[in-house]
Amino acid sequence: MQLPATFDDLIVEANQLNLYKNLIFQLNKDFKLANIDLDFHEDILPTSLKFILHETIFNLIQEKFTDYLNLLYIIDVSEKQIKALDGNDTLKLSEDVSFLILKREWQKVFLKNKYK
């Protein structure tokens, strides 16, 4: 499976396969498992999704770091990929982590759909 290289590529692929709503559902499910109060509406625009997810990750890093780590664990984001990111700029870090989260969630949705 070739994972998308950008947020836009991910959204295009999700829409082409009619799996965008499944992606939102998976995000909501994992955020709920992590006890993070965030619930995306199934019709959320991709730009809003990107902004809200980025803002949420930024706030978690700044204010609730343990919850942030728990979320990464629940979503199963690669520790190697997280460690490879530059942590000097929290805003950029939160943007990069948001994309890693979306890629991992997309991978789950794609594989569930492929092998159901």
PDB file of N, CA and C in Angstrom:
ATOM      1  N   MET A   1       0.848  -1.189   0.000  1.00  0.00           N
ATOM      2  CA  MET A   1       0.000   0.000   0.000  1.00  0.00           C
ATOM      3  C   MET A   1       0.888   1.245   0.000  1.00  0.00           C
ATOM      4  N   GLN A   2       0.661   2.101  -0.947  1.00  0.00           N
ATOM      5  CA  GLN A   2       1.382   3.364  -1.048  1.00  0.00           C
ATOM      6  C   GLN A   2       0.596   4.432  -0.304  1.00  0.00           C
ATOM      7  N   LEU A   3       1.147   4.944   0.794  1.00  0.00           N
ATOM      8  CA  LEU A   3       0.460   5.981   1.567  1.00  0.00           C
ATOM      9  C   LEU A   3       0.596   7.328   0.875  1.00  0.00           C
ATOM     10  N   PRO A   4      -0.437   8.156   0.968  1.00  0.00           N
ATOM     11  CA  PRO A   4      -0.383   9.484   0.349  1.00  0.00           C
ATOM     12  C   PRO A   4       0.749  10.331   0.927  1.00  0.00           C
ATOM     13  N   ALA A   5       1.320  11.185   0.092  1.00  0.00           N
ATOM     14  CA  ALA A   5       2.458  12.007   0.503  1.00  0.00           C
ATOM     15  C   ALA A   5       2.036  13.339   1.103  1.00  0.00           C
ATOM     16  N   THR A   6       0.812  13.775   0.795  1.00  0.00           N
ATOM     17  CA  THR A   6       0.334  15.061   1.317  1.00  0.00           C
ATOM     18  C   THR A   6      -1.103  14.913   1.812  1.00  0.00           C
ATOM     19  N   PHE A   7      -1.524  15.904   2.577  1.00  0.00           N
ATOM     20  CA  PHE A   7      -2.897  15.932   3.069  1.00  0.00           C
ATOM     21  C   PHE A   7      -3.878  15.915   1.902  1.00  0.00           C
ATOM     22  N   ASP A   8      -3.607  16.735   0.891  1.00  0.00           N
ATOM     23  CA  ASP A   8      -4.512  16.813  -0.260  1.00  0.00           C
ATOM     24  C   ASP A   8      -4.607  15.477  -0.995  1.00  0.00           C
ATOM     25  N   ASP A   9      -3.482  14.801  -1.156  1.00  0.00           N
ATOM     26  CA  ASP A   9      -3.489  13.479  -1.799  1.00  0.00           C
ATOM     27  C   ASP A   9      -4.341  12.489  -1.010  1.00  0.00           C
ATOM     28  N   LEU A  10      -4.217  12.553   0.306  1.00  0.00           N
ATOM     29  CA  LEU A  10      -4.978  11.660   1.175  1.00  0.00           C
ATOM     30  C   LEU A  10      -6.483  11.894   1.005  1.00  0.00           C
ATOM     31  N   ILE A  11      -6.890  13.154   0.994  1.00  0.00           N
ATOM     32  CA  ILE A  11      -8.306  13.500   0.858  1.00  0.00           C
ATOM     33  C   ILE A  11      -8.836  13.094  -0.510  1.00  0.00           C
ATOM     34  N   VAL A  12      -8.056  13.338  -1.556  1.00  0.00           N
ATOM     35  CA  VAL A  12      -8.471  12.955  -2.910  1.00  0.00           C
ATOM     36  C   VAL A  12      -8.681  11.447  -2.987  1.00  0.00           C
ATOM     37  N   GLU A  13      -7.733  10.689  -2.448  1.00  0.00           N
ATOM     38  CA  GLU A  13      -7.839   9.233  -2.481  1.00  0.00           C
ATOM     39  C   GLU A  13      -9.044   8.747  -1.667  1.00  0.00           C
ATOM     40  N   ALA A  14      -9.253   9.337  -0.497  1.00  0.00           N
ATOM     41  CA  ALA A  14     -10.393   8.957   0.343  1.00  0.00           C
ATOM     42  C   ALA A  14     -11.710   9.247  -0.366  1.00  0.00           C
ATOM     43  N   ASN A  15     -11.795  10.384  -1.030  1.00  0.00           N
ATOM     44  CA  ASN A  15     -13.024  10.736  -1.757  1.00  0.00           C
ATOM     45  C   ASN A  15     -13.228   9.847  -2.979  1.00  0.00           C
ATOM     46  N   GLN A  16     -12.155   9.534  -3.697  1.00  0.00           N
ATOM     47  CA  GLN A  16     -12.270   8.667  -4.876  1.00  0.00           C
ATOM     48  C   GLN A  16     -12.793   7.285  -4.498  1.00  0.00           C
ATOM     49  N   LEU A  17     -12.387   6.807  -3.336  1.00  0.00           N
ATOM     50  CA  LEU A  17     -12.804   5.474  -2.892  1.00  0.00           C
ATOM     51  C   LEU A  17     -14.067   5.519  -2.023  1.00  0.00           C
ATOM     52  N   ASN A  18     -14.656   6.714  -1.907  1.00  0.00           N
ATOM     53  CA  ASN A  18     -15.852   6.921  -1.078  1.00  0.00           C
ATOM     54  C   ASN A  18     -15.632   6.462   0.367  1.00  0.00           C
ATOM     55  N   LEU A  19     -14.449   6.768   0.902  1.00  0.00           N
ATOM     56  CA  LEU A  19     -14.111   6.357   2.263  1.00  0.00           C
ATOM     57  C   LEU A  19     -13.847   7.544   3.195  1.00  0.00           C
ATOM     58  N   TYR A  20     -14.174   8.753   2.749  1.00  0.00           N
ATOM     59  CA  TYR A  20     -13.924   9.935   3.578  1.00  0.00           C
ATOM     60  C   TYR A  20     -14.709   9.861   4.893  1.00  0.00           C
ATOM     61  N   LYS A  21     -15.966   9.471   4.822  1.00  0.00           N
ATOM     62  CA  LYS A  21     -16.780   9.367   6.038  1.00  0.00           C
ATOM     63  C   LYS A  21     -16.237   8.276   6.969  1.00  0.00           C
ATOM     64  N   ASN A  22     -15.713   7.207   6.394  1.00  0.00           N
ATOM     65  CA  ASN A  22     -15.102   6.149   7.207  1.00  0.00           C
ATOM     66  C   ASN A  22     -13.863   6.682   7.938  1.00  0.00           C
ATOM     67  N   LEU A  23     -13.114   7.543   7.261  1.00  0.00           N
ATOM     68  CA  LEU A  23     -11.940   8.161   7.870  1.00  0.00           C
ATOM     69  C   LEU A  23     -12.355   9.016   9.074  1.00  0.00           C
ATOM     70  N   ILE A  24     -13.412   9.780   8.902  1.00  0.00           N
ATOM     71  CA  ILE A  24     -13.933  10.617   9.996  1.00  0.00           C
ATOM     72  C   ILE A  24     -14.408   9.732  11.141  1.00  0.00           C
ATOM     73  N   PHE A  25     -15.107   8.662  10.810  1.00  0.00           N
ATOM     74  CA  PHE A  25     -15.592   7.737  11.828  1.00  0.00           C
ATOM     75  C   PHE A  25     -14.421   7.140  12.615  1.00  0.00           C
ATOM     76  N   GLN A  26     -13.366   6.743  11.920  1.00  0.00           N
ATOM     77  CA  GLN A  26     -12.194   6.149  12.573  1.00  0.00           C
ATOM     78  C   GLN A  26     -11.507   7.164  13.487  1.00  0.00           C
ATOM     79  N   LEU A  27     -11.380   8.401  13.013  1.00  0.00           N
ATOM     80  CA  LEU A  27     -10.807   9.455  13.853  1.00  0.00           C
ATOM     81  C   LEU A  27     -11.619   9.640  15.124  1.00  0.00           C
ATOM     82  N   ASN A  28     -12.932   9.745  14.963  1.00  0.00           N
ATOM     83  CA  ASN A  28     -13.816   9.939  16.116  1.00  0.00           C
ATOM     84  C   ASN A  28     -13.694   8.774  17.096  1.00  0.00           C
ATOM     85  N   LYS A  29     -13.641   7.575  16.559  1.00  0.00           N
ATOM     86  CA  LYS A  29     -13.540   6.377  17.395  1.00  0.00           C
ATOM     87  C   LYS A  29     -12.259   6.398  18.236  1.00  0.00           C
ATOM     88  N   ASP A  30     -11.127   6.691  17.599  1.00  0.00           N
ATOM     89  CA  ASP A  30      -9.859   6.665  18.304  1.00  0.00           C
ATOM     90  C   ASP A  30      -9.709   7.832  19.281  1.00  0.00           C
ATOM     91  N   PHE A  31     -10.235   8.998  18.933  1.00  0.00           N
ATOM     92  CA  PHE A  31     -10.202  10.122  19.868  1.00  0.00           C
ATOM     93  C   PHE A  31     -11.060   9.821  21.092  1.00  0.00           C
ATOM     94  N   LYS A  32     -12.175   9.159  20.863  1.00  0.00           N
ATOM     95  CA  LYS A  32     -13.036   8.779  21.987  1.00  0.00           C
ATOM     96  C   LYS A  32     -12.329   7.754  22.879  1.00  0.00           C
ATOM     97  N   LEU A  33     -11.650   6.774  22.271  1.00  0.00           N
ATOM     98  CA  LEU A  33     -10.889   5.795  23.045  1.00  0.00           C
ATOM     99  C   LEU A  33      -9.792   6.456  23.887  1.00  0.00           C
ATOM    100  N   ALA A  34      -9.252   7.551  23.396  1.00  0.00           N
ATOM    101  CA  ALA A  34      -8.198   8.277  24.106  1.00  0.00           C
ATOM    102  C   ALA A  34      -8.762   9.288  25.107  1.00  0.00           C
ATOM    103  N   ASN A  35     -10.077   9.305  25.248  1.00  0.00           N
ATOM    104  CA  ASN A  35     -10.763  10.234  26.157  1.00  0.00           C
ATOM    105  C   ASN A  35     -10.472  11.698  25.829  1.00  0.00           C
ATOM    106  N   ILE A  36     -10.417  12.001  24.548  1.00  0.00           N
ATOM    107  CA  ILE A  36     -10.231  13.375  24.095  1.00  0.00           C
ATOM    108  C   ILE A  36     -11.543  13.839  23.495  1.00  0.00           C
ATOM    109  N   ASP A  37     -12.033  14.940  24.017  1.00  0.00           N
ATOM    110  CA  ASP A  37     -13.342  15.449  23.635  1.00  0.00           C
ATOM    111  C   ASP A  37     -13.266  16.154  22.281  1.00  0.00           C
ATOM    112  N   LEU A  38     -13.337  15.363  21.237  1.00  0.00           N
ATOM    113  CA  LEU A  38     -13.319  15.892  19.877  1.00  0.00           C
ATOM    114  C   LEU A  38     -14.174  14.966  19.037  1.00  0.00           C
ATOM    115  N   ASP A  39     -15.159  15.531  18.382  1.00  0.00           N
ATOM    116  CA  ASP A  39     -16.063  14.727  17.572  1.00  0.00           C
ATOM    117  C   ASP A  39     -16.308  15.466  16.260  1.00  0.00           C
ATOM    118  N   PHE A  40     -15.730  14.959  15.194  1.00  0.00           N
ATOM    119  CA  PHE A  40     -15.907  15.575  13.883  1.00  0.00           C
ATOM    120  C   PHE A  40     -17.257  15.166  13.309  1.00  0.00           C
ATOM    121  N   HIS A  41     -17.958  16.121  12.718  1.00  0.00           N
ATOM    122  CA  HIS A  41     -19.203  15.806  12.016  1.00  0.00           C
ATOM    123  C   HIS A  41     -18.835  15.079  10.733  1.00  0.00           C
ATOM    124  N   GLU A  42     -19.641  14.106  10.348  1.00  0.00           N
ATOM    125  CA  GLU A  42     -19.291  13.297   9.171  1.00  0.00           C
ATOM    126  C   GLU A  42     -19.214  14.099   7.879  1.00  0.00           C
ATOM    127  N   ASP A  43     -19.829  15.280   7.833  1.00  0.00           N
ATOM    128  CA  ASP A  43     -19.797  16.112   6.627  1.00  0.00           C
ATOM    129  C   ASP A  43     -18.779  17.254   6.724  1.00  0.00           C
ATOM    130  N   ILE A  44     -17.836  17.155   7.643  1.00  0.00           N
ATOM    131  CA  ILE A  44     -16.843  18.217   7.824  1.00  0.00           C
ATOM    132  C   ILE A  44     -16.019  18.385   6.548  1.00  0.00           C
ATOM    133  N   LEU A  45     -15.758  19.618   6.200  1.00  0.00           N
ATOM    134  CA  LEU A  45     -14.918  19.899   5.036  1.00  0.00           C
ATOM    135  C   LEU A  45     -13.473  19.515   5.345  1.00  0.00           C
ATOM    136  N   PRO A  46     -12.751  19.032   4.376  1.00  0.00           N
ATOM    137  CA  PRO A  46     -11.351  18.650   4.604  1.00  0.00           C
ATOM    138  C   PRO A  46     -10.500  19.777   5.182  1.00  0.00           C
ATOM    139  N   THR A  47     -10.726  21.006   4.734  1.00  0.00           N
ATOM    140  CA  THR A  47      -9.944  22.126   5.270  1.00  0.00           C
ATOM    141  C   THR A  47     -10.239  22.338   6.753  1.00  0.00           C
ATOM    142  N   SER A  48     -11.491  22.177   7.137  1.00  0.00           N
ATOM    143  CA  SER A  48     -11.859  22.307   8.550  1.00  0.00           C
ATOM    144  C   SER A  48     -11.284  21.155   9.360  1.00  0.00           C
ATOM    145  N   LEU A  49     -11.330  19.969   8.793  1.00  0.00           N
ATOM    146  CA  LEU A  49     -10.756  18.796   9.457  1.00  0.00           C
ATOM    147  C   LEU A  49      -9.276  19.038   9.748  1.00  0.00           C
ATOM    148  N   LYS A  50      -8.546  19.486   8.745  1.00  0.00           N
ATOM    149  CA  LYS A  50      -7.111  19.738   8.884  1.00  0.00           C
ATOM    150  C   LYS A  50      -6.855  20.789   9.960  1.00  0.00           C
ATOM    151  N   PHE A  51      -7.608  21.875   9.931  1.00  0.00           N
ATOM    152  CA  PHE A  51      -7.414  22.972  10.887  1.00  0.00           C
ATOM    153  C   PHE A  51      -7.726  22.535  12.316  1.00  0.00           C
ATOM    154  N   ILE A  52      -8.858  21.887  12.516  1.00  0.00           N
ATOM    155  CA  ILE A  52      -9.273  21.484  13.861  1.00  0.00           C
ATOM    156  C   ILE A  52      -8.335  20.415  14.426  1.00  0.00           C
ATOM    157  N   LEU A  53      -7.953  19.465  13.589  1.00  0.00           N
ATOM    158  CA  LEU A  53      -7.030  18.426  14.048  1.00  0.00           C
ATOM    159  C   LEU A  53      -5.684  19.045  14.430  1.00  0.00           C
ATOM    160  N   HIS A  54      -5.185  19.934  13.602  1.00  0.00           N
ATOM    161  CA  HIS A  54      -3.910  20.610  13.881  1.00  0.00           C
ATOM    162  C   HIS A  54      -3.999  21.393  15.188  1.00  0.00           C
ATOM    163  N   GLU A  55      -5.051  22.146  15.360  1.00  0.00           N
ATOM    164  CA  GLU A  55      -5.247  22.947  16.569  1.00  0.00           C
ATOM    165  C   GLU A  55      -5.332  22.050  17.810  1.00  0.00           C
ATOM    166  N   THR A  56      -6.042  20.939  17.694  1.00  0.00           N
ATOM    167  CA  THR A  56      -6.201  20.009  18.814  1.00  0.00           C
ATOM    168  C   THR A  56      -4.865  19.394  19.200  1.00  0.00           C
ATOM    169  N   ILE A  57      -4.096  18.952  18.218  1.00  0.00           N
ATOM    170  CA  ILE A  57      -2.792  18.347  18.491  1.00  0.00           C
ATOM    171  C   ILE A  57      -1.853  19.380  19.115  1.00  0.00           C
ATOM    172  N   PHE A  58      -1.877  20.596  18.601  1.00  0.00           N
ATOM    173  CA  PHE A  58      -1.060  21.674  19.161  1.00  0.00           C
ATOM    174  C   PHE A  58      -1.390  21.880  20.642  1.00  0.00           C
ATOM    175  N   ASN A  59      -2.687  21.964  20.960  1.00  0.00           N
ATOM    176  CA  ASN A  59      -3.111  22.169  22.345  1.00  0.00           C
ATOM    177  C   ASN A  59      -2.740  20.987  23.236  1.00  0.00           C
ATOM    178  N   LEU A  60      -2.861  19.775  22.708  1.00  0.00           N
ATOM    179  CA  LEU A  60      -2.479  18.601  23.492  1.00  0.00           C
ATOM    180  C   LEU A  60      -0.979  18.612  23.805  1.00  0.00           C
ATOM    181  N   ILE A  61      -0.170  18.957  22.835  1.00  0.00           N
ATOM    182  CA  ILE A  61       1.284  19.017  23.061  1.00  0.00           C
ATOM    183  C   ILE A  61       1.608  20.063  24.119  1.00  0.00           C
ATOM    184  N   GLN A  62       0.939  21.212  24.034  1.00  0.00           N
ATOM    185  CA  GLN A  62       1.220  22.325  24.938  1.00  0.00           C
ATOM    186  C   GLN A  62       0.682  22.103  26.350  1.00  0.00           C
ATOM    187  N   GLU A  63      -0.525  21.535  26.454  1.00  0.00           N
ATOM    188  CA  GLU A  63      -1.230  21.537  27.732  1.00  0.00           C
ATOM    189  C   GLU A  63      -1.485  20.155  28.331  1.00  0.00           C
ATOM    190  N   LYS A  64      -1.587  19.131  27.515  1.00  0.00           N
ATOM    191  CA  LYS A  64      -1.932  17.793  28.010  1.00  0.00           C
ATOM    192  C   LYS A  64      -1.054  16.758  27.312  1.00  0.00           C
ATOM    193  N   PHE A  65       0.229  16.815  27.605  1.00  0.00           N
ATOM    194  CA  PHE A  65       1.184  15.988  26.888  1.00  0.00           C
ATOM    195  C   PHE A  65       0.934  14.493  27.092  1.00  0.00           C
ATOM    196  N   THR A  66       0.514  14.108  28.282  1.00  0.00           N
ATOM    197  CA  THR A  66       0.223  12.694  28.546  1.00  0.00           C
ATOM    198  C   THR A  66      -0.938  12.212  27.675  1.00  0.00           C
ATOM    199  N   ASP A  67      -1.970  13.048  27.524  1.00  0.00           N
ATOM    200  CA  ASP A  67      -3.094  12.709  26.651  1.00  0.00           C
ATOM    201  C   ASP A  67      -2.650  12.603  25.192  1.00  0.00           C
ATOM    202  N   TYR A  68      -1.733  13.474  24.812  1.00  0.00           N
ATOM    203  CA  TYR A  68      -1.168  13.453  23.458  1.00  0.00           C
ATOM    204  C   TYR A  68      -0.448  12.118  23.201  1.00  0.00           C
ATOM    205  N   LEU A  69       0.385  11.710  24.148  1.00  0.00           N
ATOM    206  CA  LEU A  69       1.102  10.438  24.001  1.00  0.00           C
ATOM    207  C   LEU A  69       0.139   9.256  23.973  1.00  0.00           C
ATOM    208  N   ASN A  70      -0.885   9.309  24.803  1.00  0.00           N
ATOM    209  CA  ASN A  70      -1.901   8.254  24.831  1.00  0.00           C
ATOM    210  C   ASN A  70      -2.620   8.166  23.481  1.00  0.00           C
ATOM    211  N   LEU A  71      -2.942   9.306  22.897  1.00  0.00           N
ATOM    212  CA  LEU A  71      -3.602   9.338  21.596  1.00  0.00           C
ATOM    213  C   LEU A  71      -2.716   8.690  20.531  1.00  0.00           C
ATOM    214  N   LEU A  72      -1.446   9.045  20.520  1.00  0.00           N
ATOM    215  CA  LEU A  72      -0.519   8.457  19.544  1.00  0.00           C
ATOM    216  C   LEU A  72      -0.443   6.947  19.710  1.00  0.00           C
ATOM    217  N   TYR A  73      -0.467   6.496  20.966  1.00  0.00           N
ATOM    218  CA  TYR A  73      -0.422   5.059  21.245  1.00  0.00           C
ATOM    219  C   TYR A  73      -1.684   4.363  20.745  1.00  0.00           C
ATOM    220  N   ILE A  74      -2.834   4.958  21.015  1.00  0.00           N
ATOM    221  CA  ILE A  74      -4.110   4.358  20.614  1.00  0.00           C
ATOM    222  C   ILE A  74      -4.234   4.310  19.091  1.00  0.00           C
ATOM    223  N   ILE A  75      -3.836   5.389  18.442  1.00  0.00           N
ATOM    224  CA  ILE A  75      -3.918   5.426  16.977  1.00  0.00           C
ATOM    225  C   ILE A  75      -2.835   4.544  16.361  1.00  0.00           C
ATOM    226  N   ASP A  76      -1.781   4.304  17.095  1.00  0.00           N
ATOM    227  CA  ASP A  76      -0.662   3.468  16.663  1.00  0.00           C
ATOM    228  C   ASP A  76       0.201   4.179  15.614  1.00  0.00           C
ATOM    229  N   VAL A  77       0.525   5.434  15.914  1.00  0.00           N
ATOM    230  CA  VAL A  77       1.436   6.189  15.065  1.00  0.00           C
ATOM    231  C   VAL A  77       2.852   5.702  15.374  1.00  0.00           C
ATOM    232  N   SER A  78       3.624   5.501  14.344  1.00  0.00           N
ATOM    233  CA  SER A  78       4.982   4.982  14.479  1.00  0.00           C
ATOM    234  C   SER A  78       5.856   5.894  15.346  1.00  0.00           C
ATOM    235  N   GLU A  79       6.423   5.304  16.388  1.00  0.00           N
ATOM    236  CA  GLU A  79       7.325   6.053  17.267  1.00  0.00           C
ATOM    237  C   GLU A  79       8.548   6.537  16.491  1.00  0.00           C
ATOM    238  N   LYS A  80       9.003   5.730  15.571  1.00  0.00           N
ATOM    239  CA  LYS A  80      10.155   6.095  14.738  1.00  0.00           C
ATOM    240  C   LYS A  80       9.859   7.361  13.918  1.00  0.00           C
ATOM    241  N   GLN A  81       8.645   7.426  13.359  1.00  0.00           N
ATOM    242  CA  GLN A  81       8.269   8.602  12.572  1.00  0.00           C
ATOM    243  C   GLN A  81       8.151   9.842  13.453  1.00  0.00           C
ATOM    244  N   ILE A  82       7.617   9.670  14.651  1.00  0.00           N
ATOM    245  CA  ILE A  82       7.475  10.805  15.567  1.00  0.00           C
ATOM    246  C   ILE A  82       8.858  11.317  15.977  1.00  0.00           C
ATOM    247  N   LYS A  83       9.755  10.411  16.295  1.00  0.00           N
ATOM    248  CA  LYS A  83      11.103  10.805  16.715  1.00  0.00           C
ATOM    249  C   LYS A  83      11.881  11.473  15.588  1.00  0.00           C
ATOM    250  N   ALA A  84      11.528  11.183  14.352  1.00  0.00           N
ATOM    251  CA  ALA A  84      12.221  11.767  13.208  1.00  0.00           C
ATOM    252  C   ALA A  84      11.820  13.222  12.955  1.00  0.00           C
ATOM    253  N   LEU A  85      10.730  13.662  13.589  1.00  0.00           N
ATOM    254  CA  LEU A  85      10.252  15.031  13.380  1.00  0.00           C
ATOM    255  C   LEU A  85      11.081  16.021  14.191  1.00  0.00           C
ATOM    256  N   ASP A  86      11.145  17.251  13.700  1.00  0.00           N
ATOM    257  CA  ASP A  86      11.852  18.323  14.401  1.00  0.00           C
ATOM    258  C   ASP A  86      10.927  18.906  15.465  1.00  0.00           C
ATOM    259  N   GLY A  87      11.327  18.797  16.726  1.00  0.00           N
ATOM    260  CA  GLY A  87      10.491  19.255  17.829  1.00  0.00           C
ATOM    261  C   GLY A  87      10.760  20.678  18.263  1.00  0.00           C
ATOM    262  N   ASN A  88      11.596  21.409  17.539  1.00  0.00           N
ATOM    263  CA  ASN A  88      11.944  22.775  17.934  1.00  0.00           C
ATOM    264  C   ASN A  88      10.807  23.760  17.725  1.00  0.00           C
ATOM    265  N   ASP A  89       9.980  23.534  16.728  1.00  0.00           N
ATOM    266  CA  ASP A  89       8.856  24.415  16.424  1.00  0.00           C
ATOM    267  C   ASP A  89       7.569  23.633  16.675  1.00  0.00           C
ATOM    268  N   THR A  90       6.894  23.949  17.767  1.00  0.00           N
ATOM    269  CA  THR A  90       5.706  23.189  18.168  1.00  0.00           C
ATOM    270  C   THR A  90       4.586  23.298  17.146  1.00  0.00           C
ATOM    271  N   LEU A  91       4.457  24.438  16.506  1.00  0.00           N
ATOM    272  CA  LEU A  91       3.416  24.621  15.502  1.00  0.00           C
ATOM    273  C   LEU A  91       3.646  23.687  14.314  1.00  0.00           C
ATOM    274  N   LYS A  92       4.873  23.633  13.831  1.00  0.00           N
ATOM    275  CA  LYS A  92       5.218  22.748  12.712  1.00  0.00           C
ATOM    276  C   LYS A  92       5.130  21.287  13.145  1.00  0.00           C
ATOM    277  N   LEU A  93       5.585  20.988  14.356  1.00  0.00           N
ATOM    278  CA  LEU A  93       5.506  19.633  14.889  1.00  0.00           C
ATOM    279  C   LEU A  93       4.060  19.151  14.935  1.00  0.00           C
ATOM    280  N   SER A  94       3.162  19.996  15.439  1.00  0.00           N
ATOM    281  CA  SER A  94       1.755  19.596  15.539  1.00  0.00           C
ATOM    282  C   SER A  94       1.131  19.394  14.165  1.00  0.00           C
ATOM    283  N   GLU A  95       1.565  20.175  13.181  1.00  0.00           N
ATOM    284  CA  GLU A  95       1.078  19.990  11.811  1.00  0.00           C
ATOM    285  C   GLU A  95       1.553  18.649  11.253  1.00  0.00           C
ATOM    286  N   ASP A  96       2.822  18.343  11.461  1.00  0.00           N
ATOM    287  CA  ASP A  96       3.385  17.082  10.970  1.00  0.00           C
ATOM    288  C   ASP A  96       2.751  15.877  11.670  1.00  0.00           C
ATOM    289  N   VAL A  97       2.556  15.980  12.977  1.00  0.00           N
ATOM    290  CA  VAL A  97       1.926  14.886  13.731  1.00  0.00           C
ATOM    291  C   VAL A  97       0.487  14.694  13.275  1.00  0.00           C
ATOM    292  N   SER A  98      -0.215  15.782  13.009  1.00  0.00           N
ATOM    293  CA  SER A  98      -1.598  15.686  12.519  1.00  0.00           C
ATOM    294  C   SER A  98      -1.649  14.881  11.231  1.00  0.00           C
ATOM    295  N   PHE A  99      -0.694  15.124  10.347  1.00  0.00           N
ATOM    296  CA  PHE A  99      -0.657  14.376   9.088  1.00  0.00           C
ATOM    297  C   PHE A  99      -0.310  12.911   9.330  1.00  0.00           C
ATOM    298  N   LEU A 100       0.606  12.640  10.248  1.00  0.00           N
ATOM    299  CA  LEU A 100       0.930  11.246  10.572  1.00  0.00           C
ATOM    300  C   LEU A 100      -0.290  10.517  11.134  1.00  0.00           C
ATOM    301  N   ILE A 101      -1.058  11.217  11.947  1.00  0.00           N
ATOM    302  CA  ILE A 101      -2.291  10.638  12.498  1.00  0.00           C
ATOM    303  C   ILE A 101      -3.262  10.324  11.370  1.00  0.00           C
ATOM    304  N   LEU A 102      -3.463  11.285  10.489  1.00  0.00           N
ATOM    305  CA  LEU A 102      -4.385  11.060   9.367  1.00  0.00           C
ATOM    306  C   LEU A 102      -3.913   9.918   8.467  1.00  0.00           C
ATOM    307  N   LYS A 103      -2.611   9.841   8.217  1.00  0.00           N
ATOM    308  CA  LYS A 103      -2.096   8.749   7.385  1.00  0.00           C
ATOM    309  C   LYS A 103      -2.347   7.395   8.041  1.00  0.00           C
ATOM    310  N   ARG A 104      -2.121   7.307   9.347  1.00  0.00           N
ATOM    311  CA  ARG A 104      -2.332   6.033  10.044  1.00  0.00           C
ATOM    312  C   ARG A 104      -3.808   5.660  10.057  1.00  0.00           C
ATOM    313  N   GLU A 105      -4.660   6.645  10.296  1.00  0.00           N
ATOM    314  CA  GLU A 105      -6.096   6.380  10.289  1.00  0.00           C
ATOM    315  C   GLU A 105      -6.556   5.979   8.891  1.00  0.00           C
ATOM    316  N   TRP A 106      -5.994   6.628   7.871  1.00  0.00           N
ATOM    317  CA  TRP A 106      -6.336   6.281   6.489  1.00  0.00           C
ATOM    318  C   TRP A 106      -5.911   4.846   6.188  1.00  0.00           C
ATOM    319  N   GLN A 107      -4.741   4.465   6.661  1.00  0.00           N
ATOM    320  CA  GLN A 107      -4.253   3.110   6.450  1.00  0.00           C
ATOM    321  C   GLN A 107      -5.230   2.098   7.060  1.00  0.00           C
ATOM    322  N   LYS A 108      -5.711   2.368   8.266  1.00  0.00           N
ATOM    323  CA  LYS A 108      -6.687   1.477   8.917  1.00  0.00           C
ATOM    324  C   LYS A 108      -7.963   1.368   8.090  1.00  0.00           C
ATOM    325  N   VAL A 109      -8.483   2.516   7.660  1.00  0.00           N
ATOM    326  CA  VAL A 109      -9.739   2.541   6.889  1.00  0.00           C
ATOM    327  C   VAL A 109      -9.564   1.830   5.561  1.00  0.00           C
ATOM    328  N   PHE A 110      -8.480   2.104   4.874  1.00  0.00           N
ATOM    329  CA  PHE A 110      -8.222   1.506   3.574  1.00  0.00           C
ATOM    330  C   PHE A 110      -8.145  -0.019   3.677  1.00  0.00           C
ATOM    331  N   LEU A 111      -7.376  -0.499   4.657  1.00  0.00           N
ATOM    332  CA  LEU A 111      -7.189  -1.941   4.798  1.00  0.00           C
ATOM    333  C   LEU A 111      -8.470  -2.639   5.256  1.00  0.00           C
ATOM    334  N   LYS A 112      -9.229  -2.010   6.130  1.00  0.00           N
ATOM    335  CA  LYS A 112     -10.517  -2.591   6.550  1.00  0.00           C
ATOM    336  C   LYS A 112     -11.444  -2.740   5.349  1.00  0.00           C
ATOM    337  N   ASN A 113     -11.446  -1.710   4.507  1.00  0.00           N
ATOM    338  CA  ASN A 113     -12.312  -1.738   3.331  1.00  0.00           C
ATOM    339  C   ASN A 113     -11.835  -2.778   2.321  1.00  0.00           C
ATOM    340  N   LYS A 114     -10.546  -2.869   2.154  1.00  0.00           N
ATOM    341  CA  LYS A 114      -9.982  -3.808   1.173  1.00  0.00           C
ATOM    342  C   LYS A 114     -10.216  -5.268   1.562  1.00  0.00           C
ATOM    343  N   TYR A 115     -10.128  -5.571   2.844  1.00  0.00           N
ATOM    344  CA  TYR A 115     -10.194  -6.964   3.289  1.00  0.00           C
ATOM    345  C   TYR A 115     -11.477  -7.329   4.003  1.00  0.00           C
ATOM    346  N   LYS A 116     -12.519  -6.529   3.829  1.00  0.00           N
ATOM    347  CA  LYS A 116     -13.788  -6.880   4.494  1.00  0.00           C
ATOM    348  C   LYS A 116     -14.537  -7.942   3.741  1.00  0.00           C
TER     349      LYS A 116
END
